[in-house]
Amino acid sequence: MEGDSILRLARRLDESLAGAEVSVRTPGPRRTSGLPPTELDGRVLEGVESRGKHLFLHFEGGLTLHSHLGMRGSWHLYESGERWRRPAHQAWISLAGRGREAVNFGGSTMRIAREAQLRRDPRLARLGPDLLAEDFDRSAAPGRLRAAGPAAELGDALLDQTLIAGIGNIFKSEGCFEAKVDPGRPLSTVADEELASVLELTRALMLEAAETGRQPSRVYRRSGQPCQRCGTAIRSRAQGDSARITYWCPRCQPPEQG
């Protein structure tokens, strides 16, 4: 799940439950890490925020529920008493208050910790700035990507959450397409102006998706189909150590600058 979806989820959870005294259940066999869920039961949820692909639910008393959904996790929102769309034994945790219920099904991380513990967490400390944050520093962003090294391909650098947090495989491809920059180009061949354009257009696409719930698909998963700009067949290939599939138009996004 990418940063736009997490931001949208944070907004929905905050609108539904922030300010409510929350009752907590763990219906399935899977257990949270860190403090026990009983520590949150009966506390007021003060607010929900996203940072890249991470979700943080802040409770009174300095406690936080940290959720990372990975590729397949999800949060569902229900009215009180509404039947869940998945079996209860698949639920990791449920938060209910003010006539609404938020239920998590799966993910890679679900832990309860004190805010001070999270500030010392090395994984979170390594996260780059959130591309969707209101205070995102656009001027420093190209330099952050260059920290990947001159030989690193642009698409790989965009997925590195320690450089800039929030971009996933969809927006890596879609943002580069909007900027007309080949995601396979080494950073040494990409000008600062091009990096800034990729990031600015990617940010705009993701913020729109966070508002509408609709992610773009001009190139993503359209390999072999005609480009919506020029009609050239969209190409795809595995990229980087994780072999994530990248999509691009060879005519709109030439392999060399200019």
C-alpha atoms as a PDB file:
ATOM      1  CA  MET A   1       0.000   0.000   0.000  1.00  0.00           C
ATOM      2  CA  GLU A   2       1.333   3.411  -0.963  1.00  0.00           C
ATOM      3  CA  GLY A   3       1.479   6.727   0.838  1.00  0.00           C
ATOM      4  CA  ASP A   4      -1.679   8.123  -0.753  1.00  0.00           C
ATOM      5  CA  SER A   5      -3.767   5.231   0.597  1.00  0.00           C
ATOM      6  CA  ILE A   6      -2.256   5.574   4.071  1.00  0.00           C
ATOM      7  CA  LEU A   7      -2.905   9.329   4.127  1.00  0.00           C
ATOM      8  CA  ARG A   8      -6.506   8.765   3.020  1.00  0.00           C
ATOM      9  CA  LEU A   9      -6.924   6.088   5.700  1.00  0.00           C
ATOM     10  CA  ALA A  10      -5.439   8.339   8.386  1.00  0.00           C
ATOM     11  CA  ARG A  11      -7.903  11.076   7.476  1.00  0.00           C
ATOM     12  CA  ARG A  12     -10.870   8.685   7.580  1.00  0.00           C
ATOM     13  CA  LEU A  13      -9.868   7.181  10.918  1.00  0.00           C
ATOM     14  CA  ASP A  14      -9.227  10.605  12.400  1.00  0.00           C
ATOM     15  CA  GLU A  15     -12.601  11.903  11.214  1.00  0.00           C
ATOM     16  CA  SER A  16     -14.403   8.836  12.559  1.00  0.00           C
ATOM     17  CA  LEU A  17     -12.732   8.213  15.914  1.00  0.00           C
ATOM     18  CA  ALA A  18     -10.532  11.119  17.002  1.00  0.00           C
ATOM     19  CA  GLY A  19     -11.776  12.491  20.308  1.00  0.00           C
ATOM     20  CA  ALA A  20     -13.646   9.298  21.177  1.00  0.00           C
ATOM     21  CA  GLU A  21     -13.030   7.020  24.128  1.00  0.00           C
ATOM     22  CA  VAL A  22     -12.150   3.758  22.400  1.00  0.00           C
ATOM     23  CA  SER A  23     -12.871   0.172  23.366  1.00  0.00           C
ATOM     24  CA  VAL A  24     -10.306  -2.304  22.077  1.00  0.00           C
ATOM     25  CA  ARG A  25     -10.694  -5.948  21.076  1.00  0.00           C
ATOM     26  CA  THR A  26      -8.359  -8.502  19.491  1.00  0.00           C
ATOM     27  CA  PRO A  27     -10.802 -11.016  17.946  1.00  0.00           C
ATOM     28  CA  GLY A  28      -8.296 -13.184  16.093  1.00  0.00           C
ATOM     29  CA  PRO A  29      -5.338 -15.270  17.259  1.00  0.00           C
ATOM     30  CA  ARG A  30      -2.725 -12.782  16.069  1.00  0.00           C
ATOM     31  CA  ARG A  31      -1.388 -10.518  18.822  1.00  0.00           C
ATOM     32  CA  THR A  32       0.072  -7.042  18.756  1.00  0.00           C
ATOM     33  CA  SER A  33       3.668  -6.481  19.757  1.00  0.00           C
ATOM     34  CA  GLY A  34       4.833  -4.115  22.470  1.00  0.00           C
ATOM     35  CA  LEU A  35       2.383  -3.152  25.181  1.00  0.00           C
ATOM     36  CA  PRO A  36      -0.838  -5.202  25.553  1.00  0.00           C
ATOM     37  CA  PRO A  37      -4.007  -3.894  23.851  1.00  0.00           C
ATOM     38  CA  THR A  38      -5.624  -3.504  27.273  1.00  0.00           C
ATOM     39  CA  GLU A  39      -3.360  -0.462  27.718  1.00  0.00           C
ATOM     40  CA  LEU A  40      -5.401   1.340  25.029  1.00  0.00           C
ATOM     41  CA  ASP A  41      -8.832   0.178  26.160  1.00  0.00           C
ATOM     42  CA  GLY A  42     -10.893   3.097  27.472  1.00  0.00           C
ATOM     43  CA  ARG A  43      -8.396   5.752  26.376  1.00  0.00           C
ATOM     44  CA  VAL A  44      -9.258   8.686  24.118  1.00  0.00           C
ATOM     45  CA  LEU A  45      -7.878   8.528  20.588  1.00  0.00           C
ATOM     46  CA  GLU A  46      -6.347  11.961  20.191  1.00  0.00           C
ATOM     47  CA  GLY A  47      -5.494  11.820  16.494  1.00  0.00           C
ATOM     48  CA  VAL A  48      -4.293   9.761  13.558  1.00  0.00           C
ATOM     49  CA  GLU A  49      -1.428  10.577  11.216  1.00  0.00           C
ATOM     50  CA  SER A  50       0.502   8.970   8.382  1.00  0.00           C
ATOM     51  CA  ARG A  51       4.192   9.073   7.604  1.00  0.00           C
ATOM     52  CA  GLY A  52       5.053   7.501   4.305  1.00  0.00           C
ATOM     53  CA  LYS A  53       3.576   4.012   4.435  1.00  0.00           C
ATOM     54  CA  HIS A  54       3.237   3.987   8.245  1.00  0.00           C
ATOM     55  CA  LEU A  55       0.079   4.784  10.224  1.00  0.00           C
ATOM     56  CA  PHE A  56       0.140   6.154  13.778  1.00  0.00           C
ATOM     57  CA  LEU A  57      -2.902   6.324  16.070  1.00  0.00           C
ATOM     58  CA  HIS A  58      -2.114   8.555  19.054  1.00  0.00           C
ATOM     59  CA  PHE A  59      -3.899   7.926  22.362  1.00  0.00           C
ATOM     60  CA  GLU A  60      -4.020   9.954  25.531  1.00  0.00           C
ATOM     61  CA  GLY A  61      -1.240   9.231  27.961  1.00  0.00           C
ATOM     62  CA  GLY A  62       1.475   9.184  25.301  1.00  0.00           C
ATOM     63  CA  LEU A  63       0.616   5.782  23.791  1.00  0.00           C
ATOM     64  CA  THR A  64       0.592   5.074  20.059  1.00  0.00           C
ATOM     65  CA  LEU A  65      -0.702   2.233  17.931  1.00  0.00           C
ATOM     66  CA  HIS A  66       1.724   1.814  15.003  1.00  0.00           C
ATOM     67  CA  SER A  67       0.377  -0.001  11.938  1.00  0.00           C
ATOM     68  CA  HIS A  68       2.140  -0.954   8.714  1.00  0.00           C
ATOM     69  CA  LEU A  69      -0.111  -2.711   6.227  1.00  0.00           C
ATOM     70  CA  GLY A  70       2.526  -4.112   3.902  1.00  0.00           C
ATOM     71  CA  MET A  71       1.155  -5.370   0.591  1.00  0.00           C
ATOM     72  CA  ARG A  72      -2.101  -6.994   1.735  1.00  0.00           C
ATOM     73  CA  GLY A  73      -3.193  -5.525   5.064  1.00  0.00           C
ATOM     74  CA  SER A  74      -6.265  -3.313   5.399  1.00  0.00           C
ATOM     75  CA  TRP A  75      -8.383  -1.289   7.809  1.00  0.00           C
ATOM     76  CA  HIS A  76     -12.184  -1.391   7.512  1.00  0.00           C
ATOM     77  CA  LEU A  77     -14.576   1.173   8.953  1.00  0.00           C
ATOM     78  CA  TYR A  78     -18.044   0.065  10.068  1.00  0.00           C
ATOM     79  CA  GLU A  79     -21.054   1.515  11.783  1.00  0.00           C
ATOM     80  CA  SER A  80     -21.631   0.076  15.250  1.00  0.00           C
ATOM     81  CA  GLY A  81     -23.225  -3.369  14.903  1.00  0.00           C
ATOM     82  CA  GLU A  82     -22.614  -3.576  11.152  1.00  0.00           C
ATOM     83  CA  ARG A  83     -21.530  -7.003   9.924  1.00  0.00           C
ATOM     84  CA  TRP A  84     -17.849  -7.259   9.044  1.00  0.00           C
ATOM     85  CA  ARG A  85     -16.904  -8.109   5.483  1.00  0.00           C
ATOM     86  CA  ARG A  86     -14.280 -10.610   6.663  1.00  0.00           C
ATOM     87  CA  PRO A  87     -14.345 -13.295   9.381  1.00  0.00           C
ATOM     88  CA  ALA A  88     -13.588 -12.155  12.923  1.00  0.00           C
ATOM     89  CA  HIS A  89     -10.760 -14.658  13.314  1.00  0.00           C
ATOM     90  CA  GLN A  90      -8.866 -12.782  10.578  1.00  0.00           C
ATOM     91  CA  ALA A  91      -9.014  -9.486  12.484  1.00  0.00           C
ATOM     92  CA  TRP A  92      -5.882  -8.285  14.251  1.00  0.00           C
ATOM     93  CA  ILE A  93      -7.435  -5.488  16.307  1.00  0.00           C
ATOM     94  CA  SER A  94     -10.726  -3.585  16.597  1.00  0.00           C
ATOM     95  CA  LEU A  95     -11.211  -0.023  17.858  1.00  0.00           C
ATOM     96  CA  ALA A  96     -14.767   1.100  18.603  1.00  0.00           C
ATOM     97  CA  GLY A  97     -16.151   4.422  19.721  1.00  0.00           C
ATOM     98  CA  ARG A  98     -18.830   7.031  18.997  1.00  0.00           C
ATOM     99  CA  GLY A  99     -20.893   4.563  16.979  1.00  0.00           C
ATOM    100  CA  ARG A 100     -18.047   3.613  14.630  1.00  0.00           C
ATOM    101  CA  GLU A 101     -15.641   0.689  14.553  1.00  0.00           C
ATOM    102  CA  ALA A 102     -12.252   0.428  12.845  1.00  0.00           C
ATOM    103  CA  VAL A 103     -11.021  -3.119  12.261  1.00  0.00           C
ATOM    104  CA  ASN A 104      -7.603  -4.140  11.011  1.00  0.00           C
ATOM    105  CA  PHE A 105      -7.125  -7.240   8.895  1.00  0.00           C
ATOM    106  CA  GLY A 106      -3.488  -8.163   8.445  1.00  0.00           C
ATOM    107  CA  GLY A 107      -0.327  -6.259   7.683  1.00  0.00           C
ATOM    108  CA  SER A 108       3.314  -6.502   8.647  1.00  0.00           C
ATOM    109  CA  THR A 109       3.318  -4.425  11.853  1.00  0.00           C
ATOM    110  CA  MET A 110       0.849  -3.799  14.659  1.00  0.00           C
ATOM    111  CA  ARG A 111       2.408  -2.633  17.891  1.00  0.00           C
ATOM    112  CA  ILE A 112       1.554  -0.483  20.854  1.00  0.00           C
ATOM    113  CA  ALA A 113       4.344   1.688  22.207  1.00  0.00           C
ATOM    114  CA  ARG A 114       5.059   4.821  24.122  1.00  0.00           C
ATOM    115  CA  GLU A 115       5.806   7.872  22.000  1.00  0.00           C
ATOM    116  CA  ALA A 116       9.333   8.031  23.404  1.00  0.00           C
ATOM    117  CA  GLN A 117       9.966   4.454  22.251  1.00  0.00           C
ATOM    118  CA  LEU A 118       8.872   5.267  18.723  1.00  0.00           C
ATOM    119  CA  ARG A 119      11.178   8.275  18.615  1.00  0.00           C
ATOM    120  CA  ARG A 120      14.080   5.931  19.361  1.00  0.00           C
ATOM    121  CA  ASP A 121      13.009   3.295  16.828  1.00  0.00           C
ATOM    122  CA  PRO A 122      15.886   2.921  14.318  1.00  0.00           C
ATOM    123  CA  ARG A 123      13.604   1.843  11.469  1.00  0.00           C
ATOM    124  CA  LEU A 124      11.416   4.907  11.833  1.00  0.00           C
ATOM    125  CA  ALA A 125      14.439   7.134  12.340  1.00  0.00           C
ATOM    126  CA  ARG A 126      15.783   6.019   8.959  1.00  0.00           C
ATOM    127  CA  LEU A 127      12.621   7.061   7.123  1.00  0.00           C
ATOM    128  CA  GLY A 128      13.042   9.950   4.741  1.00  0.00           C
ATOM    129  CA  PRO A 129      10.665  12.919   4.717  1.00  0.00           C
ATOM    130  CA  ASP A 130       7.065  12.145   3.770  1.00  0.00           C
ATOM    131  CA  LEU A 131       6.428  13.271   0.191  1.00  0.00           C
ATOM    132  CA  LEU A 132       2.825  14.138   1.104  1.00  0.00           C
ATOM    133  CA  ALA A 133       3.587  16.128   4.253  1.00  0.00           C
ATOM    134  CA  GLU A 134       2.472  19.742   4.250  1.00  0.00           C
ATOM    135  CA  ASP A 135       5.996  20.842   5.173  1.00  0.00           C
ATOM    136  CA  PHE A 136       7.752  18.666   2.558  1.00  0.00           C
ATOM    137  CA  ASP A 137      10.957  20.481   1.529  1.00  0.00           C
ATOM    138  CA  ARG A 138      10.839  20.557  -2.267  1.00  0.00           C
ATOM    139  CA  SER A 139      14.187  22.304  -2.624  1.00  0.00           C
ATOM    140  CA  ALA A 140      16.080  19.600  -0.724  1.00  0.00           C
ATOM    141  CA  ALA A 141      14.309  16.655  -2.373  1.00  0.00           C
ATOM    142  CA  PRO A 142      16.535  16.176  -5.462  1.00  0.00           C
ATOM    143  CA  GLY A 143      19.604  16.075  -3.234  1.00  0.00           C
ATOM    144  CA  ARG A 144      18.016  13.415  -1.059  1.00  0.00           C
ATOM    145  CA  LEU A 145      17.440  11.172  -4.078  1.00  0.00           C
ATOM    146  CA  ARG A 146      21.058  11.624  -5.173  1.00  0.00           C
ATOM    147  CA  ALA A 147      22.152  10.021  -1.912  1.00  0.00           C
ATOM    148  CA  ALA A 148      21.321   6.705  -3.607  1.00  0.00           C
ATOM    149  CA  GLY A 149      24.500   7.168  -5.672  1.00  0.00           C
ATOM    150  CA  PRO A 150      25.116   8.197  -9.300  1.00  0.00           C
ATOM    151  CA  ALA A 151      24.759   4.649 -10.654  1.00  0.00           C
ATOM    152  CA  ALA A 152      21.383   4.041  -8.985  1.00  0.00           C
ATOM    153  CA  GLU A 153      18.422   4.028 -11.340  1.00  0.00           C
ATOM    154  CA  LEU A 154      15.764   6.664 -10.780  1.00  0.00           C
ATOM    155  CA  GLY A 155      13.003   4.105 -10.211  1.00  0.00           C
ATOM    156  CA  ASP A 156      15.007   2.379  -7.483  1.00  0.00           C
ATOM    157  CA  ALA A 157      15.775   5.675  -5.742  1.00  0.00           C
ATOM    158  CA  LEU A 158      12.091   6.630  -5.729  1.00  0.00           C
ATOM    159  CA  LEU A 159      11.204   3.400  -3.885  1.00  0.00           C
ATOM    160  CA  ASP A 160      13.914   3.858  -1.228  1.00  0.00           C
ATOM    161  CA  GLN A 161      11.919   4.881   1.841  1.00  0.00           C
ATOM    162  CA  THR A 162      15.063   6.135   3.599  1.00  0.00           C
ATOM    163  CA  LEU A 163      15.415   8.850   0.939  1.00  0.00           C
ATOM    164  CA  ILE A 164      11.795   9.967   0.535  1.00  0.00           C
ATOM    165  CA  ALA A 165       8.909   8.112   2.164  1.00  0.00           C
ATOM    166  CA  GLY A 166       5.584   7.176   0.636  1.00  0.00           C
ATOM    167  CA  ILE A 167       6.213   6.329  -3.021  1.00  0.00           C
ATOM    168  CA  GLY A 168       5.413   2.790  -4.126  1.00  0.00           C
ATOM    169  CA  ASN A 169       5.473   0.916  -7.397  1.00  0.00           C
ATOM    170  CA  ILE A 170       2.356   2.516  -8.879  1.00  0.00           C
ATOM    171  CA  PHE A 171       3.445   6.099  -8.379  1.00  0.00           C
ATOM    172  CA  LYS A 172       7.060   5.369  -9.253  1.00  0.00           C
ATOM    173  CA  SER A 173       5.866   4.516 -12.762  1.00  0.00           C
ATOM    174  CA  GLU A 174       3.038   7.049 -13.009  1.00  0.00           C
ATOM    175  CA  GLY A 175       5.090   9.969 -11.699  1.00  0.00           C
ATOM    176  CA  CYS A 176       7.954   9.324 -14.098  1.00  0.00           C
ATOM    177  CA  PHE A 177       5.464   9.073 -16.959  1.00  0.00           C
ATOM    178  CA  GLU A 178       3.887  12.418 -16.054  1.00  0.00           C
ATOM    179  CA  ALA A 179       7.347  14.013 -15.973  1.00  0.00           C
ATOM    180  CA  LYS A 180       8.422  12.270 -19.214  1.00  0.00           C
ATOM    181  CA  VAL A 181      11.511  10.819 -17.551  1.00  0.00           C
ATOM    182  CA  ASP A 182      12.647   7.207 -18.003  1.00  0.00           C
ATOM    183  CA  PRO A 183      12.691   5.499 -14.560  1.00  0.00           C
ATOM    184  CA  GLY A 184      15.575   3.324 -15.760  1.00  0.00           C
ATOM    185  CA  ARG A 185      18.007   6.207 -16.169  1.00  0.00           C
ATOM    186  CA  PRO A 186      20.987   6.326 -13.772  1.00  0.00           C
ATOM    187  CA  LEU A 187      20.796   9.326 -11.465  1.00  0.00           C
ATOM    188  CA  SER A 188      24.052  10.631 -12.952  1.00  0.00           C
ATOM    189  CA  THR A 189      22.137  11.340 -16.199  1.00  0.00           C
ATOM    190  CA  VAL A 190      19.101  12.977 -14.571  1.00  0.00           C
ATOM    191  CA  ALA A 191      19.226  16.729 -14.048  1.00  0.00           C
ATOM    192  CA  ASP A 192      18.075  18.303 -10.780  1.00  0.00           C
ATOM    193  CA  GLU A 193      15.231  19.977 -12.683  1.00  0.00           C
ATOM    194  CA  GLU A 194      14.036  16.573 -13.887  1.00  0.00           C
ATOM    195  CA  LEU A 195      14.205  15.085 -10.382  1.00  0.00           C
ATOM    196  CA  ALA A 196      12.239  18.032  -9.032  1.00  0.00           C
ATOM    197  CA  SER A 197       9.636  17.600 -11.782  1.00  0.00           C
ATOM    198  CA  VAL A 198       9.260  13.859 -11.093  1.00  0.00           C
ATOM    199  CA  LEU A 199       8.776  14.470  -7.383  1.00  0.00           C
ATOM    200  CA  GLU A 200       6.399  17.410  -7.807  1.00  0.00           C
ATOM    201  CA  LEU A 201       4.199  15.557 -10.297  1.00  0.00           C
ATOM    202  CA  THR A 202       4.281  12.362  -8.229  1.00  0.00           C
ATOM    203  CA  ARG A 203       3.245  14.341  -5.161  1.00  0.00           C
ATOM    204  CA  ALA A 204       0.369  15.946  -7.091  1.00  0.00           C
ATOM    205  CA  LEU A 205      -0.847  12.559  -8.352  1.00  0.00           C
ATOM    206  CA  MET A 206      -0.690  11.045  -4.872  1.00  0.00           C
ATOM    207  CA  LEU A 207      -2.491  13.940  -3.206  1.00  0.00           C
ATOM    208  CA  GLU A 208      -5.259  13.701  -5.795  1.00  0.00           C
ATOM    209  CA  ALA A 209      -5.515   9.958  -5.173  1.00  0.00           C
ATOM    210  CA  ALA A 210      -5.699  10.591  -1.425  1.00  0.00           C
ATOM    211  CA  GLU A 211      -8.667  12.900  -2.044  1.00  0.00           C
ATOM    212  CA  THR A 212     -10.533  10.767  -4.565  1.00  0.00           C
ATOM    213  CA  GLY A 213      -9.490   7.221  -3.716  1.00  0.00           C
ATOM    214  CA  ARG A 214      -8.641   6.634  -7.387  1.00  0.00           C
ATOM    215  CA  GLN A 215      -5.066   5.877  -8.391  1.00  0.00           C
ATOM    216  CA  PRO A 216      -3.859   6.668 -11.927  1.00  0.00           C
ATOM    217  CA  SER A 217      -3.224   3.918 -14.464  1.00  0.00           C
ATOM    218  CA  ARG A 218      -1.799   5.578 -17.555  1.00  0.00           C
ATOM    219  CA  VAL A 219       1.128   3.154 -17.663  1.00  0.00           C
ATOM    220  CA  TYR A 220       0.922   0.942 -14.571  1.00  0.00           C
ATOM    221  CA  ARG A 221       0.041  -2.643 -15.511  1.00  0.00           C
ATOM    222  CA  ARG A 222      -0.542  -1.563 -19.125  1.00  0.00           C
ATOM    223  CA  SER A 223       2.443  -3.321 -20.693  1.00  0.00           C
ATOM    224  CA  GLY A 224       1.891  -3.835 -24.434  1.00  0.00           C
ATOM    225  CA  GLN A 225      -1.062  -1.440 -24.552  1.00  0.00           C
ATOM    226  CA  PRO A 226      -0.821   1.835 -26.482  1.00  0.00           C
ATOM    227  CA  CYS A 227       0.450   4.916 -24.660  1.00  0.00           C
ATOM    228  CA  GLN A 228      -2.376   7.365 -24.052  1.00  0.00           C
ATOM    229  CA  ARG A 229      -0.135  10.200 -25.271  1.00  0.00           C
ATOM    230  CA  CYS A 230       1.560   8.854 -28.375  1.00  0.00           C
ATOM    231  CA  GLY A 231       0.221   5.363 -29.082  1.00  0.00           C
ATOM    232  CA  THR A 232       3.552   3.592 -28.590  1.00  0.00           C
ATOM    233  CA  ALA A 233       3.324   0.256 -26.783  1.00  0.00           C
ATOM    234  CA  ILE A 234       3.980   0.570 -23.057  1.00  0.00           C
ATOM    235  CA  ARG A 235       6.953  -1.468 -21.864  1.00  0.00           C
ATOM    236  CA  SER A 236       7.725  -3.100 -18.529  1.00  0.00           C
ATOM    237  CA  ARG A 237      10.658  -4.758 -16.820  1.00  0.00           C
ATOM    238  CA  ALA A 238      11.805  -5.890 -13.398  1.00  0.00           C
ATOM    239  CA  GLN A 239      13.898  -3.251 -11.704  1.00  0.00           C
ATOM    240  CA  GLY A 240      16.236  -3.352  -8.728  1.00  0.00           C
ATOM    241  CA  ASP A 241      17.120  -6.022  -6.198  1.00  0.00           C
ATOM    242  CA  SER A 242      13.453  -6.516  -5.302  1.00  0.00           C
ATOM    243  CA  ALA A 243      12.555  -6.966  -9.003  1.00  0.00           C
ATOM    244  CA  ARG A 244       9.544  -4.651  -8.803  1.00  0.00           C
ATOM    245  CA  ILE A 245       7.942  -4.220 -12.226  1.00  0.00           C
ATOM    246  CA  THR A 246       8.378  -0.776 -13.769  1.00  0.00           C
ATOM    247  CA  TYR A 247       6.207   0.554 -16.603  1.00  0.00           C
ATOM    248  CA  TRP A 248       7.093   3.316 -19.066  1.00  0.00           C
ATOM    249  CA  CYS A 249       6.602   4.621 -22.597  1.00  0.00           C
ATOM    250  CA  PRO A 250       9.841   4.382 -24.612  1.00  0.00           C
ATOM    251  CA  ARG A 251       8.858   7.316 -26.827  1.00  0.00           C
ATOM    252  CA  CYS A 252       7.523   9.738 -24.203  1.00  0.00           C
ATOM    253  CA  GLN A 253      10.280   8.785 -21.760  1.00  0.00           C
ATOM    254  CA  PRO A 254      13.480   8.498 -23.827  1.00  0.00           C
ATOM    255  CA  PRO A 255      16.464   6.783 -22.189  1.00  0.00           C
ATOM    256  CA  GLU A 256      18.664   9.866 -22.516  1.00  0.00           C
ATOM    257  CA  GLN A 257      18.133  13.455 -21.425  1.00  0.00           C
ATOM    258  CA  GLY A 258      16.699  15.842 -23.998  1.00  0.00           C
END
